[in-house]
Amino acid sequence: MKSFKQFFLEYRHNLADGTSAPSIQAHNGKNPNIVGPDKKNLHTIGPYKKMNPKMNVPGSILTPQELSELGYDYEHGKILNNVRNGGFGIEMTSINGQPVGRVFKAK
């Protein structure tokens, strides 16, 4: 009778039906131990910055300066849905003669 070690060494590369088994080791040519500047795709963007904290609060008011910082120009009556795919929109209105943008929850 064969020892388990001999059996394992002889049949470890085959499945039960005799066909060759896939390797358990990765053969994609990449070194998983690379760390630091040798790595090709370094994350250099930095931490996530919200575009404006008011954009996630329905009913908040944005001034024309805040709208221009977001990259939008004020046009009275214009409605922007899903601003930057955030789930919120901006409705351009005026309050007491002052041009503002009102944030609303987009459907």
N, C-alpha and C. Protein backbone atom coordinates (compact mmCIF):
# COMPACT_ATOMS: atom_id res chain seq x y z
N MET A 1 0.84 -1.18 0.00
CA MET A 1 0.00 0.00 0.00
C MET A 1 0.89 1.25 0.00
N LYS A 2 0.50 2.26 -0.83
CA LYS A 2 1.28 3.49 -0.93
C LYS A 2 1.00 4.38 0.28
N SER A 3 2.03 5.12 0.65
CA SER A 3 1.82 6.10 1.70
C SER A 3 1.03 7.28 1.11
N PHE A 4 0.43 8.04 1.96
CA PHE A 4 -0.36 9.19 1.47
C PHE A 4 0.52 10.18 0.72
N LYS A 5 1.73 10.38 1.19
CA LYS A 5 2.63 11.33 0.54
C LYS A 5 2.94 10.89 -0.89
N GLN A 6 3.20 9.61 -1.09
CA GLN A 6 3.46 9.12 -2.45
C GLN A 6 2.20 9.25 -3.32
N PHE A 7 1.05 8.90 -2.75
CA PHE A 7 -0.20 9.02 -3.49
C PHE A 7 -0.47 10.46 -3.90
N PHE A 8 -0.26 11.35 -2.96
CA PHE A 8 -0.51 12.77 -3.22
C PHE A 8 0.43 13.30 -4.31
N LEU A 9 1.73 12.96 -4.20
CA LEU A 9 2.69 13.43 -5.19
C LEU A 9 2.40 12.88 -6.58
N GLU A 10 1.85 11.69 -6.65
CA GLU A 10 1.59 11.07 -7.95
C GLU A 10 0.30 11.61 -8.59
N TYR A 11 -0.73 11.87 -7.82
CA TYR A 11 -2.03 12.21 -8.37
C TYR A 11 -2.47 13.66 -8.12
N ARG A 12 -1.62 14.51 -7.61
CA ARG A 12 -2.04 15.86 -7.26
C ARG A 12 -2.35 16.71 -8.49
N HIS A 13 -1.83 16.37 -9.65
CA HIS A 13 -2.07 17.17 -10.84
C HIS A 13 -3.23 16.65 -11.68
N ASN A 14 -3.91 15.61 -11.23
CA ASN A 14 -5.01 15.02 -11.99
C ASN A 14 -6.30 15.04 -11.18
N LEU A 15 -7.42 15.18 -11.90
CA LEU A 15 -8.72 15.04 -11.26
C LEU A 15 -9.06 13.57 -11.14
N ALA A 16 -10.21 13.24 -10.57
CA ALA A 16 -10.60 11.86 -10.36
C ALA A 16 -10.77 11.10 -11.67
N ASP A 17 -11.16 11.80 -12.73
CA ASP A 17 -11.35 11.11 -14.02
C ASP A 17 -10.07 11.06 -14.85
N GLY A 18 -8.94 11.51 -14.31
CA GLY A 18 -7.67 11.40 -15.00
C GLY A 18 -7.28 12.64 -15.79
N THR A 19 -8.18 13.60 -15.94
CA THR A 19 -7.82 14.83 -16.66
C THR A 19 -6.99 15.73 -15.74
N SER A 20 -6.18 16.59 -16.36
CA SER A 20 -5.31 17.42 -15.55
C SER A 20 -6.11 18.49 -14.81
N ALA A 21 -5.76 18.74 -13.58
CA ALA A 21 -6.46 19.69 -12.72
C ALA A 21 -5.88 21.08 -12.92
N PRO A 22 -6.69 22.13 -12.73
CA PRO A 22 -6.15 23.48 -12.79
C PRO A 22 -5.20 23.73 -11.61
N SER A 23 -4.21 24.54 -11.86
CA SER A 23 -3.23 24.82 -10.83
C SER A 23 -3.84 25.71 -9.75
N ILE A 24 -3.40 25.53 -8.53
CA ILE A 24 -3.89 26.37 -7.44
C ILE A 24 -3.05 27.63 -7.31
N GLN A 25 -1.97 27.74 -8.09
CA GLN A 25 -1.11 28.90 -8.04
C GLN A 25 -1.40 29.79 -9.25
N ALA A 26 -1.34 31.08 -9.04
CA ALA A 26 -1.59 32.01 -10.14
C ALA A 26 -0.41 32.02 -11.09
N HIS A 27 -0.71 32.02 -12.40
CA HIS A 27 0.33 32.05 -13.42
C HIS A 27 0.10 33.22 -14.34
N ASN A 28 -0.24 34.37 -13.79
CA ASN A 28 -0.50 35.52 -14.63
C ASN A 28 0.73 36.39 -14.83
N GLY A 29 1.86 36.00 -14.34
CA GLY A 29 3.09 36.74 -14.56
C GLY A 29 3.27 37.94 -13.66
N LYS A 30 2.38 38.14 -12.71
CA LYS A 30 2.48 39.30 -11.82
C LYS A 30 3.06 38.87 -10.48
N ASN A 31 3.84 39.73 -9.90
CA ASN A 31 4.41 39.47 -8.60
C ASN A 31 3.50 40.08 -7.54
N PRO A 32 2.86 39.27 -6.69
CA PRO A 32 1.94 39.82 -5.70
C PRO A 32 2.65 40.54 -4.55
N ASN A 33 3.97 40.45 -4.50
CA ASN A 33 4.72 41.04 -3.39
C ASN A 33 5.27 42.41 -3.70
N ILE A 34 4.94 42.98 -4.87
CA ILE A 34 5.45 44.31 -5.23
C ILE A 34 4.73 45.37 -4.40
N VAL A 35 5.49 46.19 -3.72
CA VAL A 35 4.95 47.28 -2.92
C VAL A 35 5.83 48.50 -3.16
N GLY A 36 5.20 49.67 -3.21
CA GLY A 36 5.98 50.89 -3.32
C GLY A 36 6.05 51.43 -4.73
N PRO A 37 7.11 52.14 -5.03
CA PRO A 37 7.20 52.85 -6.31
C PRO A 37 7.36 51.92 -7.51
N ASP A 38 7.67 50.64 -7.29
CA ASP A 38 7.79 49.70 -8.41
C ASP A 38 6.42 49.32 -8.97
N LYS A 39 5.39 49.59 -8.23
CA LYS A 39 4.04 49.25 -8.66
C LYS A 39 3.63 50.16 -9.82
N LYS A 40 2.95 49.61 -10.81
CA LYS A 40 2.61 50.38 -12.00
C LYS A 40 1.53 51.42 -11.74
N ASN A 41 0.45 51.06 -11.11
CA ASN A 41 -0.68 51.96 -10.92
C ASN A 41 -0.73 52.45 -9.48
N LEU A 42 -0.03 53.52 -9.22
CA LEU A 42 -0.06 54.10 -7.88
C LEU A 42 -1.29 54.96 -7.71
N HIS A 43 -1.88 54.95 -6.54
CA HIS A 43 -3.05 55.78 -6.25
C HIS A 43 -2.53 57.14 -5.78
N THR A 44 -2.61 58.14 -6.65
CA THR A 44 -2.06 59.45 -6.32
C THR A 44 -3.11 60.53 -6.25
N ILE A 45 -4.38 60.18 -6.32
CA ILE A 45 -5.44 61.17 -6.35
C ILE A 45 -5.65 61.82 -4.99
N GLY A 46 -5.53 61.07 -3.94
CA GLY A 46 -5.74 61.60 -2.61
C GLY A 46 -7.11 61.23 -2.07
N PRO A 47 -7.46 61.71 -0.90
CA PRO A 47 -8.75 61.36 -0.31
C PRO A 47 -9.90 61.99 -1.08
N TYR A 48 -11.08 61.36 -0.98
CA TYR A 48 -12.28 61.84 -1.67
C TYR A 48 -12.73 63.18 -1.08
N LYS A 49 -13.04 64.12 -1.94
CA LYS A 49 -13.54 65.41 -1.49
C LYS A 49 -14.95 65.60 -2.04
N LYS A 50 -15.89 65.93 -1.16
CA LYS A 50 -17.25 66.20 -1.61
C LYS A 50 -17.27 67.50 -2.41
N MET A 51 -18.14 67.55 -3.43
CA MET A 51 -18.17 68.77 -4.24
C MET A 51 -18.76 69.92 -3.43
N ASN A 52 -19.78 69.70 -2.63
CA ASN A 52 -20.34 70.72 -1.76
C ASN A 52 -21.20 69.99 -0.74
N PRO A 53 -21.01 70.21 0.56
CA PRO A 53 -21.79 69.49 1.55
C PRO A 53 -23.29 69.77 1.45
N LYS A 54 -23.68 70.91 0.90
CA LYS A 54 -25.10 71.23 0.76
C LYS A 54 -25.79 70.39 -0.30
N MET A 55 -25.01 69.79 -1.22
CA MET A 55 -25.61 69.03 -2.33
C MET A 55 -26.32 67.78 -1.87
N ASN A 56 -26.06 67.28 -0.69
CA ASN A 56 -26.72 66.07 -0.20
C ASN A 56 -27.86 66.36 0.75
N VAL A 57 -28.28 67.63 0.84
CA VAL A 57 -29.35 68.02 1.75
C VAL A 57 -30.49 68.63 0.92
N PRO A 58 -31.60 67.90 0.74
CA PRO A 58 -32.71 68.47 -0.03
C PRO A 58 -33.25 69.72 0.64
N GLY A 59 -33.54 70.75 -0.16
CA GLY A 59 -34.08 72.00 0.35
C GLY A 59 -33.02 73.04 0.65
N SER A 60 -31.75 72.68 0.56
CA SER A 60 -30.71 73.68 0.84
C SER A 60 -30.59 74.64 -0.35
N ILE A 61 -30.06 75.81 -0.07
CA ILE A 61 -29.96 76.89 -1.05
C ILE A 61 -28.49 77.08 -1.43
N LEU A 62 -28.24 77.15 -2.75
CA LEU A 62 -26.89 77.39 -3.26
C LEU A 62 -26.82 78.77 -3.88
N THR A 63 -25.81 79.54 -3.54
CA THR A 63 -25.63 80.86 -4.11
C THR A 63 -25.03 80.72 -5.51
N PRO A 64 -25.11 81.79 -6.34
CA PRO A 64 -24.50 81.71 -7.67
C PRO A 64 -23.00 81.40 -7.63
N GLN A 65 -22.30 81.84 -6.58
CA GLN A 65 -20.88 81.52 -6.45
C GLN A 65 -20.68 80.03 -6.23
N GLU A 66 -21.52 79.43 -5.38
CA GLU A 66 -21.42 77.99 -5.14
C GLU A 66 -21.77 77.21 -6.40
N LEU A 67 -22.74 77.71 -7.16
CA LEU A 67 -23.10 77.05 -8.42
C LEU A 67 -21.94 77.09 -9.41
N SER A 68 -21.24 78.21 -9.48
CA SER A 68 -20.12 78.31 -10.40
C SER A 68 -18.96 77.43 -9.95
N GLU A 69 -18.78 77.24 -8.64
CA GLU A 69 -17.76 76.32 -8.14
C GLU A 69 -18.07 74.89 -8.54
N LEU A 70 -19.35 74.55 -8.63
CA LEU A 70 -19.77 73.23 -9.08
C LEU A 70 -19.68 73.08 -10.59
N GLY A 71 -19.53 74.20 -11.30
CA GLY A 71 -19.40 74.15 -12.75
C GLY A 71 -20.69 74.45 -13.49
N TYR A 72 -21.66 75.09 -12.84
CA TYR A 72 -22.94 75.41 -13.46
C TYR A 72 -23.16 76.92 -13.44
N ASP A 73 -23.68 77.46 -14.52
CA ASP A 73 -24.03 78.87 -14.59
C ASP A 73 -25.51 79.03 -14.26
N TYR A 74 -25.85 80.15 -13.63
CA TYR A 74 -27.23 80.39 -13.25
C TYR A 74 -28.05 80.78 -14.48
N GLU A 75 -29.15 80.06 -14.70
CA GLU A 75 -30.15 80.39 -15.71
C GLU A 75 -31.51 80.23 -15.05
N HIS A 76 -32.25 81.31 -14.93
CA HIS A 76 -33.53 81.29 -14.21
C HIS A 76 -34.48 80.27 -14.83
N GLY A 77 -35.06 79.43 -13.99
CA GLY A 77 -36.04 78.44 -14.41
C GLY A 77 -35.44 77.12 -14.88
N LYS A 78 -34.14 77.02 -14.95
CA LYS A 78 -33.49 75.79 -15.41
C LYS A 78 -33.49 74.76 -14.29
N ILE A 79 -33.72 73.49 -14.66
CA ILE A 79 -33.72 72.40 -13.69
C ILE A 79 -32.67 71.39 -14.12
N LEU A 80 -31.75 71.07 -13.23
CA LEU A 80 -30.71 70.08 -13.48
C LEU A 80 -31.04 68.84 -12.67
N ASN A 81 -31.26 67.72 -13.35
CA ASN A 81 -31.56 66.46 -12.66
C ASN A 81 -30.30 65.63 -12.52
N ASN A 82 -30.19 64.89 -11.41
CA ASN A 82 -29.07 64.00 -11.12
C ASN A 82 -27.73 64.67 -11.37
N VAL A 83 -27.45 65.68 -10.60
CA VAL A 83 -26.20 66.41 -10.74
C VAL A 83 -25.05 65.47 -10.39
N ARG A 84 -24.20 65.23 -11.36
CA ARG A 84 -23.05 64.33 -11.22
C ARG A 84 -23.44 62.97 -10.66
N ASN A 85 -24.58 62.45 -11.08
CA ASN A 85 -25.09 61.14 -10.67
C ASN A 85 -25.16 60.98 -9.15
N GLY A 86 -25.46 62.07 -8.46
CA GLY A 86 -25.51 62.03 -7.01
C GLY A 86 -26.90 61.76 -6.46
N GLY A 87 -27.92 61.72 -7.32
CA GLY A 87 -29.27 61.49 -6.85
C GLY A 87 -29.98 62.76 -6.43
N PHE A 88 -29.34 63.91 -6.60
CA PHE A 88 -29.94 65.18 -6.25
C PHE A 88 -29.90 66.10 -7.47
N GLY A 89 -30.86 67.00 -7.54
CA GLY A 89 -30.93 67.95 -8.63
C GLY A 89 -30.93 69.38 -8.12
N ILE A 90 -30.80 70.32 -9.05
CA ILE A 90 -30.79 71.74 -8.70
C ILE A 90 -31.84 72.45 -9.54
N GLU A 91 -32.69 73.23 -8.87
CA GLU A 91 -33.68 74.06 -9.55
C GLU A 91 -33.25 75.52 -9.39
N MET A 92 -33.06 76.19 -10.53
CA MET A 92 -32.63 77.58 -10.50
C MET A 92 -33.85 78.49 -10.31
N THR A 93 -33.89 79.21 -9.20
CA THR A 93 -35.00 80.12 -8.90
C THR A 93 -34.43 81.41 -8.34
N SER A 94 -35.33 82.25 -7.88
CA SER A 94 -34.88 83.47 -7.21
C SER A 94 -35.71 83.65 -5.94
N ILE A 95 -35.07 84.06 -4.87
CA ILE A 95 -35.73 84.31 -3.60
C ILE A 95 -35.46 85.77 -3.25
N ASN A 96 -36.54 86.55 -3.11
CA ASN A 96 -36.45 87.98 -2.82
C ASN A 96 -35.55 88.71 -3.83
N GLY A 97 -35.65 88.31 -5.08
CA GLY A 97 -34.87 88.95 -6.13
C GLY A 97 -33.43 88.48 -6.24
N GLN A 98 -33.01 87.57 -5.36
CA GLN A 98 -31.65 87.05 -5.39
C GLN A 98 -31.63 85.72 -6.15
N PRO A 99 -30.76 85.54 -7.15
CA PRO A 99 -30.68 84.27 -7.87
C PRO A 99 -30.05 83.19 -6.99
N VAL A 100 -30.74 82.05 -6.88
CA VAL A 100 -30.26 80.92 -6.07
C VAL A 100 -30.58 79.61 -6.79
N GLY A 101 -29.97 78.57 -6.30
CA GLY A 101 -30.28 77.23 -6.75
C GLY A 101 -30.78 76.42 -5.56
N ARG A 102 -31.90 75.77 -5.73
CA ARG A 102 -32.49 74.98 -4.64
C ARG A 102 -32.26 73.49 -4.93
N VAL A 103 -31.72 72.78 -3.96
CA VAL A 103 -31.42 71.36 -4.12
C VAL A 103 -32.69 70.54 -3.84
N PHE A 104 -32.93 69.53 -4.69
CA PHE A 104 -34.06 68.64 -4.48
C PHE A 104 -33.63 67.20 -4.76
N LYS A 105 -34.39 66.27 -4.21
CA LYS A 105 -34.11 64.84 -4.41
C LYS A 105 -34.64 64.43 -5.76
N ALA A 106 -33.76 63.93 -6.64
CA ALA A 106 -34.17 63.52 -7.99
C ALA A 106 -34.85 62.15 -7.91
N LYS A 107 -35.79 61.93 -8.81
CA LYS A 107 -36.52 60.65 -8.81
C LYS A 107 -35.80 59.60 -9.59
